[in-house]
């Protein structure tokens, strides 16, 4: 009996020992499993954070994209010309007895300056007709929604026939992409937003002339590029000349912008009746190509700016500023540069 008791005790001891080991094994396994789950969760969270915060730049790796990624706004040219009191106050300068002279101290003024501005831009447009496409770094600031936007810098590709534009923002809404090809995508422009928004929002298809598209730009994408800008200025110069408007204009030679020799034209419009939108415009034209490379437009002041200096007036009434740098007219762009299926673009995501 005593022997049986010893056997039963030994058996009980072995059972308890085995159970203890089993419990430890299960506990360790549970800990290990929990640790794996925790590590997996942390890893997944880290990947998610990187995915939503990191903005890859696939288009920057495109060998056809010759636009230079600019990190700073384009320097503003120094405007040496000071307008006359008559032009600044909006008076009808041709209603005075003494008409402005066509040339003063070697500086072209009046209708001769307007005509020269027109002829140079027409020459530039003829040159662009021989160029199938180009790339450039486009910078812009615009007065939208009651305030002046921050400077935006955009890598731009443009093809003239069929008219096509691809843009990628490098300063501003960094990473945002825009594609418009005349005759494709139901005549809509494709927009892929940058940053986190681009991860969450699919590619947008917008009417170029719709309110949503024009909320972000003063002009539709169909008017993008150097040629369209030149044609817009030509329209205003023809209006000045044909209607004999009281526009005071001066042409300055030997000016510089982005290291290029330029002509500078500064026009002051007589009043809001003759020029509803613009009070003043500044246009820099590359002497070699006759293309506009820097343009600024100023609106009419409010009553509170009646006593402002010319510099303060310009600062408070700027409504648009555009510039083109790093222009490459020998880019030889491919069809895929204007395709939504381009693997370097994000329109499929």
Protein backbone atom coordinates (compact mmCIF):
# COMPACT_ATOMS: atom_id res chain seq x y z
CA UNK A 1 0.00 0.00 0.00
CA UNK A 2 2.84 2.28 0.87
CA UNK A 3 4.43 1.30 -2.42
CA UNK A 4 1.21 2.10 -4.27
CA UNK A 5 1.10 5.49 -2.55
CA UNK A 6 4.64 6.21 -3.66
CA UNK A 7 3.77 5.23 -7.24
CA UNK A 8 0.64 7.38 -7.23
CA UNK A 9 2.61 10.30 -5.80
CA UNK A 10 5.33 9.92 -8.39
CA UNK A 11 2.75 9.74 -11.16
CA UNK A 12 0.99 12.81 -9.82
CA UNK A 13 4.33 14.64 -9.65
CA UNK A 14 5.15 13.73 -13.23
CA UNK A 15 1.69 14.81 -14.42
CA UNK A 16 1.94 18.12 -12.61
CA UNK A 17 5.46 18.67 -13.90
CA UNK A 18 4.35 17.95 -17.46
CA UNK A 19 1.37 20.23 -17.08
CA UNK A 20 3.60 23.00 -15.74
CA UNK A 21 5.97 22.64 -18.69
CA UNK A 22 3.04 22.66 -21.09
CA UNK A 23 1.64 25.83 -19.54
CA UNK A 24 5.06 27.51 -19.78
CA UNK A 25 5.38 26.44 -23.38
CA UNK A 26 1.95 27.79 -24.24
CA UNK A 27 2.64 31.01 -22.34
CA UNK A 28 5.96 31.50 -24.12
CA UNK A 29 4.36 30.73 -27.42
CA UNK A 30 1.59 33.24 -26.66
CA UNK A 31 4.17 35.86 -25.74
CA UNK A 32 6.13 35.14 -28.87
CA UNK A 33 2.94 35.30 -30.96
CA UNK A 34 1.92 38.58 -29.31
CA UNK A 35 5.40 40.01 -29.89
CA UNK A 36 5.20 39.04 -33.54
CA UNK A 37 1.79 40.62 -33.84
CA UNK A 38 2.99 43.79 -32.12
CA UNK A 39 6.09 44.00 -34.32
CA UNK A 40 3.96 43.44 -37.39
CA UNK A 41 1.55 46.19 -36.34
CA UNK A 42 4.39 48.64 -35.69
CA UNK A 43 6.00 47.79 -39.03
CA UNK A 44 2.69 48.23 -40.85
CA UNK A 45 2.10 51.57 -39.16
CA UNK A 46 5.58 52.75 -40.12
CA UNK A 47 5.03 51.72 -43.73
CA UNK A 48 1.67 53.53 -43.71
CA UNK A 49 3.25 56.73 -42.38
CA UNK A 50 5.97 56.59 -45.00
CA UNK A 51 3.45 55.83 -47.74
CA UNK A 52 1.25 58.80 -46.93
CA UNK A 53 3.94 61.32 -46.06
CA UNK A 54 6.65 60.55 -48.58
CA UNK A 55 6.03 62.08 -52.00
CA UNK A 56 7.93 60.20 -54.69
CA UNK A 57 8.80 62.18 -57.78
CA UNK A 58 8.52 59.68 -60.60
CA UNK A 59 8.33 62.40 -63.25
CA UNK A 60 11.65 63.82 -62.07
CA UNK A 61 13.25 60.58 -63.17
CA UNK A 62 11.87 60.98 -66.66
CA UNK A 63 14.86 61.38 -69.03
CA UNK A 64 12.76 63.65 -71.26
CA UNK A 65 12.00 66.06 -68.43
CA UNK A 66 14.65 68.74 -68.79
CA UNK A 67 12.97 71.26 -66.50
CA UNK A 68 15.19 72.27 -63.60
CA UNK A 69 13.69 71.77 -60.17
CA UNK A 70 13.75 75.26 -58.69
CA UNK A 71 13.58 75.73 -54.94
CA UNK A 72 13.39 79.52 -54.91
CA UNK A 73 11.16 82.05 -56.68
CA UNK A 74 12.53 83.67 -59.81
CA UNK A 75 14.24 87.00 -58.94
CA UNK A 76 12.11 89.98 -59.87
CA UNK A 77 13.73 92.31 -62.44
CA UNK A 78 14.44 95.85 -61.37
CA UNK A 79 12.20 98.25 -63.29
CA UNK A 80 14.20 101.42 -63.86
CA UNK A 81 11.49 103.41 -65.66
CA UNK A 82 9.36 105.79 -63.61
CA UNK A 83 5.93 106.60 -65.08
CA UNK A 84 4.76 110.16 -65.57
CA UNK A 85 2.30 111.64 -63.10
CA UNK A 86 -0.34 111.75 -65.84
CA UNK A 87 -0.12 108.06 -66.59
CA UNK A 88 -0.06 107.07 -62.92
CA UNK A 89 -3.12 109.17 -62.13
CA UNK A 90 -5.04 107.70 -65.06
CA UNK A 91 -5.50 110.93 -66.99
CA UNK A 92 -6.04 110.99 -70.75
CA UNK A 93 -2.49 111.83 -71.79
CA UNK A 94 -3.38 112.46 -75.44
CA UNK A 95 -6.02 114.99 -74.54
CA UNK A 96 -3.31 117.49 -73.61
CA UNK A 97 -2.01 120.01 -76.06
CA UNK A 98 1.43 118.47 -76.14
CA UNK A 99 1.48 114.85 -77.37
CA UNK A 100 4.15 112.51 -76.04
CA UNK A 101 7.25 112.40 -78.21
CA UNK A 102 7.96 109.09 -79.95
CA UNK A 103 11.47 108.96 -78.56
CA UNK A 104 13.07 110.63 -75.56
CA UNK A 105 16.75 110.36 -74.64
CA UNK A 106 17.17 107.25 -76.78
CA UNK A 107 14.17 105.51 -75.14
CA UNK A 108 11.29 104.52 -77.42
CA UNK A 109 7.92 105.75 -76.10
CA UNK A 110 4.31 106.23 -77.12
CA UNK A 111 2.77 104.49 -80.13
CA UNK A 112 6.21 103.59 -81.48
CA UNK A 113 6.91 101.57 -78.34
CA UNK A 114 3.50 99.87 -78.59
CA UNK A 115 4.13 99.04 -82.24
CA UNK A 116 7.60 97.66 -81.49
CA UNK A 117 6.15 95.51 -78.71
CA UNK A 118 3.61 94.12 -81.17
CA UNK A 119 6.12 93.45 -83.98
CA UNK A 120 8.61 91.67 -81.71
CA UNK A 121 5.97 89.34 -80.28
CA UNK A 122 4.61 88.55 -83.74
CA UNK A 123 8.15 87.63 -84.76
CA UNK A 124 8.43 85.41 -81.68
CA UNK A 125 5.17 83.62 -82.59
CA UNK A 126 6.46 82.95 -86.10
CA UNK A 127 9.57 81.42 -84.55
CA UNK A 128 7.44 79.20 -82.30
CA UNK A 129 5.60 77.89 -85.36
CA UNK A 130 8.87 76.19 -86.36
CA UNK A 131 9.23 74.56 -82.93
CA UNK A 132 7.11 71.42 -82.35
CA UNK A 133 7.57 71.34 -78.59
CA UNK A 134 9.66 72.60 -75.69
CA UNK A 135 10.27 72.27 -71.95
CA UNK A 136 10.66 75.09 -69.45
CA UNK A 137 10.46 76.01 -65.79
CA UNK A 138 7.31 78.06 -65.33
CA UNK A 139 6.82 80.31 -62.30
CA UNK A 140 3.59 82.07 -61.45
CA UNK A 141 1.76 84.14 -58.87
CA UNK A 142 -1.89 85.08 -59.24
CA UNK A 143 -4.53 87.04 -57.36
CA UNK A 144 -7.27 84.50 -56.66
CA UNK A 145 -10.10 84.41 -54.15
CA UNK A 146 -9.24 87.83 -52.79
CA UNK A 147 -5.56 87.18 -52.12
CA UNK A 148 -2.23 86.83 -53.91
CA UNK A 149 -1.03 83.24 -54.06
CA UNK A 150 2.43 82.11 -53.05
CA UNK A 151 4.95 81.72 -55.85
CA UNK A 152 4.55 78.41 -57.67
CA UNK A 153 7.29 76.74 -59.72
CA UNK A 154 6.30 74.16 -62.30
CA UNK A 155 8.16 71.88 -64.68
CA UNK A 156 6.27 72.31 -67.93
CA UNK A 157 6.24 70.37 -71.21
CA UNK A 158 4.36 71.82 -74.15
CA UNK A 159 3.55 70.50 -77.63
CA UNK A 160 1.94 72.75 -80.23
CA UNK A 161 0.14 70.18 -82.46
CA UNK A 162 -2.05 68.79 -81.10
CA UNK A 163 -1.87 71.31 -78.30
CA UNK A 164 -0.68 69.41 -75.24
CA UNK A 165 0.55 70.42 -71.79
CA UNK A 166 2.07 68.43 -68.95
CA UNK A 167 2.88 70.16 -65.66
CA UNK A 168 4.45 69.01 -62.43
CA UNK A 169 4.67 71.32 -59.41
CA UNK A 170 8.04 71.49 -57.65
CA UNK A 171 7.25 74.54 -55.46
CA UNK A 172 3.72 75.13 -54.24
CA UNK A 173 1.52 72.03 -54.25
CA UNK A 174 4.61 69.87 -54.62
CA UNK A 175 4.10 66.71 -56.61
CA UNK A 176 0.83 67.81 -58.24
CA UNK A 177 0.56 66.82 -61.90
CA UNK A 178 -1.65 68.13 -64.69
CA UNK A 179 -2.14 66.79 -68.22
CA UNK A 180 -4.16 68.25 -71.05
CA UNK A 181 -4.19 66.97 -74.64
CA UNK A 182 -6.49 68.58 -77.18
CA UNK A 183 -8.91 65.94 -78.51
CA UNK A 184 -8.24 63.38 -75.76
CA UNK A 185 -9.72 62.49 -72.35
CA UNK A 186 -13.11 63.95 -73.36
CA UNK A 187 -11.48 67.37 -73.70
CA UNK A 188 -10.88 67.32 -69.96
CA UNK A 189 -7.67 68.02 -68.09
CA UNK A 190 -6.36 65.34 -65.75
CA UNK A 191 -5.18 66.47 -62.33
CA UNK A 192 -3.35 64.33 -59.80
CA UNK A 193 -2.98 66.20 -56.55
CA UNK A 194 0.29 66.24 -54.65
CA UNK A 195 1.24 64.98 -51.21
CA UNK A 196 -1.26 63.17 -48.98
CA UNK A 197 -4.21 64.39 -51.07
CA UNK A 198 -2.77 62.58 -54.07
CA UNK A 199 -2.73 59.34 -52.05
CA UNK A 200 -6.34 59.63 -51.00
CA UNK A 201 -7.99 61.33 -53.99
CA UNK A 202 -8.07 59.63 -57.41
CA UNK A 203 -7.13 61.43 -60.61
CA UNK A 204 -9.59 64.25 -61.32
CA UNK A 205 -11.07 64.96 -64.76
CA UNK A 206 -11.96 68.66 -64.95
CA UNK A 207 -13.46 70.96 -67.55
CA UNK A 208 -10.62 73.43 -68.38
CA UNK A 209 -13.15 76.27 -68.45
CA UNK A 210 -15.14 75.11 -65.42
CA UNK A 211 -15.37 76.94 -62.11
CA UNK A 212 -13.37 74.29 -60.24
CA UNK A 213 -10.42 74.53 -62.64
CA UNK A 214 -10.48 78.34 -62.76
CA UNK A 215 -10.58 78.49 -58.98
CA UNK A 216 -6.87 77.62 -59.09
CA UNK A 217 -5.86 79.72 -62.10
CA UNK A 218 -6.76 83.02 -63.75
CA UNK A 219 -6.52 81.45 -67.19
CA UNK A 220 -7.61 78.03 -68.54
CA UNK A 221 -5.01 75.39 -69.36
CA UNK A 222 -5.85 75.91 -73.04
CA UNK A 223 -4.06 79.26 -72.71
CA UNK A 224 -0.94 77.82 -71.07
CA UNK A 225 2.57 78.23 -72.45
CA UNK A 226 4.73 80.86 -74.07
CA UNK A 227 2.84 81.13 -77.37
CA UNK A 228 -0.52 81.73 -75.71
CA UNK A 229 1.00 84.40 -73.48
CA UNK A 230 2.53 86.15 -76.50
CA UNK A 231 -0.79 86.02 -78.36
CA UNK A 232 -2.61 87.53 -75.37
CA UNK A 233 -0.21 90.49 -75.24
CA UNK A 234 -0.50 90.90 -79.03
CA UNK A 235 -4.27 91.17 -78.60
CA UNK A 236 -3.87 94.04 -76.13
CA UNK A 237 -1.29 95.86 -78.27
CA UNK A 238 -3.54 95.67 -81.35
CA UNK A 239 -6.39 97.02 -79.28
CA UNK A 240 -4.20 99.90 -78.06
CA UNK A 241 -3.17 100.79 -81.62
CA UNK A 242 -6.39 100.14 -83.54
CA UNK A 243 -8.64 101.94 -81.09
CA UNK A 244 -6.06 104.67 -80.46
CA UNK A 245 -6.32 104.20 -76.73
CA UNK A 246 -4.52 106.54 -74.36
CA UNK A 247 -1.92 103.97 -73.34
CA UNK A 248 1.48 105.28 -72.30
CA UNK A 249 4.25 102.83 -73.17
CA UNK A 250 8.03 102.89 -72.94
CA UNK A 251 10.57 100.48 -74.41
CA UNK A 252 13.82 99.96 -72.52
CA UNK A 253 16.77 98.26 -74.19
CA UNK A 254 19.80 96.56 -72.62
CA UNK A 255 17.73 94.91 -69.90
CA UNK A 256 18.46 91.53 -68.32
CA UNK A 257 16.29 88.68 -67.11
CA UNK A 258 17.58 85.23 -66.12
CA UNK A 259 20.91 86.10 -67.74
CA UNK A 260 19.29 86.90 -71.10
CA UNK A 261 19.49 90.21 -72.97
CA UNK A 262 15.94 91.55 -73.10
CA UNK A 263 13.76 94.42 -74.20
CA UNK A 264 11.49 95.70 -71.46
CA UNK A 265 8.10 97.26 -72.21
CA UNK A 266 6.19 99.10 -69.49
CA UNK A 267 2.65 100.14 -70.35
CA UNK A 268 0.33 102.33 -68.28
CA UNK A 269 -3.33 102.33 -69.23
CA UNK A 270 -5.33 105.53 -69.04
CA UNK A 271 -8.38 104.40 -67.08
CA UNK A 272 -10.54 101.40 -66.22
CA UNK A 273 -12.93 102.21 -69.06
CA UNK A 274 -10.21 101.62 -71.66
CA UNK A 275 -8.58 98.76 -69.74
CA UNK A 276 -11.00 97.08 -67.36
CA UNK A 277 -8.52 94.65 -65.79
CA UNK A 278 -5.05 96.15 -66.07
CA UNK A 279 -3.65 99.44 -64.84
CA UNK A 280 -0.09 98.59 -65.79
CA UNK A 281 1.88 95.81 -67.45
CA UNK A 282 5.56 94.91 -67.57
CA UNK A 283 6.85 92.63 -70.33
CA UNK A 284 10.40 91.34 -70.81
CA UNK A 285 11.11 89.97 -74.30
CA UNK A 286 14.18 87.87 -75.06
CA UNK A 287 16.19 89.75 -77.72
CA UNK A 288 17.32 86.51 -79.37
CA UNK A 289 14.01 84.64 -79.68
CA UNK A 290 11.55 87.56 -79.32
CA UNK A 291 9.61 85.51 -76.80
CA UNK A 292 8.07 86.90 -73.59
CA UNK A 293 10.02 85.50 -70.65
CA UNK A 294 8.66 87.65 -67.82
CA UNK A 295 5.25 89.33 -67.57
CA UNK A 296 3.55 91.18 -64.74
CA UNK A 297 0.08 92.69 -64.64
CA UNK A 298 -1.25 95.21 -62.12
CA UNK A 299 -4.88 96.08 -61.39
CA UNK A 300 -6.62 99.31 -60.45
CA UNK A 301 -6.14 100.60 -56.88
CA UNK A 302 -8.79 101.04 -54.24
CA UNK A 303 -9.55 104.40 -52.65
CA UNK A 304 -7.23 103.60 -49.75
CA UNK A 305 -4.20 103.62 -52.06
CA UNK A 306 -4.73 107.12 -53.42
CA UNK A 307 -1.62 108.46 -51.67
CA UNK A 308 0.57 105.36 -52.12
CA UNK A 309 3.99 105.59 -53.77
CA UNK A 310 4.47 103.87 -57.17
CA UNK A 311 6.33 101.03 -55.44
CA UNK A 312 3.60 100.56 -52.81
CA UNK A 313 0.94 100.78 -55.49
CA UNK A 314 2.56 98.02 -57.53
CA UNK A 315 2.97 95.82 -54.47
CA UNK A 316 -0.69 96.19 -53.49
CA UNK A 317 -2.20 95.82 -56.98
CA UNK A 318 -0.24 92.89 -58.46
CA UNK A 319 -2.73 90.46 -59.98
CA UNK A 320 -0.48 88.14 -61.99
CA UNK A 321 3.18 87.37 -62.53
CA UNK A 322 4.54 84.79 -65.00
CA UNK A 323 8.05 83.82 -66.00
CA UNK A 324 9.75 81.17 -68.13
CA UNK A 325 13.30 80.03 -67.45
CA UNK A 326 15.46 77.09 -68.58
CA UNK A 327 13.67 77.09 -71.94
CA UNK A 328 14.69 74.15 -74.13
CA UNK A 329 13.37 74.38 -77.70
CA UNK A 330 15.24 71.23 -78.75
CA UNK A 331 13.64 68.85 -76.30
CA UNK A 332 12.35 66.34 -78.92
CA UNK A 333 9.53 65.15 -76.68
CA UNK A 334 7.94 61.76 -77.27
CA UNK A 335 4.24 60.92 -77.57
CA UNK A 336 4.44 59.27 -74.14
CA UNK A 337 5.34 62.63 -72.61
CA UNK A 338 1.68 63.56 -73.08
CA UNK A 339 0.12 60.20 -72.24
CA UNK A 340 -1.73 59.39 -69.03
CA UNK A 341 -0.25 55.89 -69.24
CA UNK A 342 3.32 57.18 -68.91
CA UNK A 343 4.86 55.01 -66.20
CA UNK A 344 6.64 58.05 -64.74
CA UNK A 345 3.32 59.84 -64.14
CA UNK A 346 0.74 59.05 -61.46
CA UNK A 347 -2.54 59.50 -63.34
CA UNK A 348 -3.29 55.75 -63.21
CA UNK A 349 -3.18 55.72 -59.42
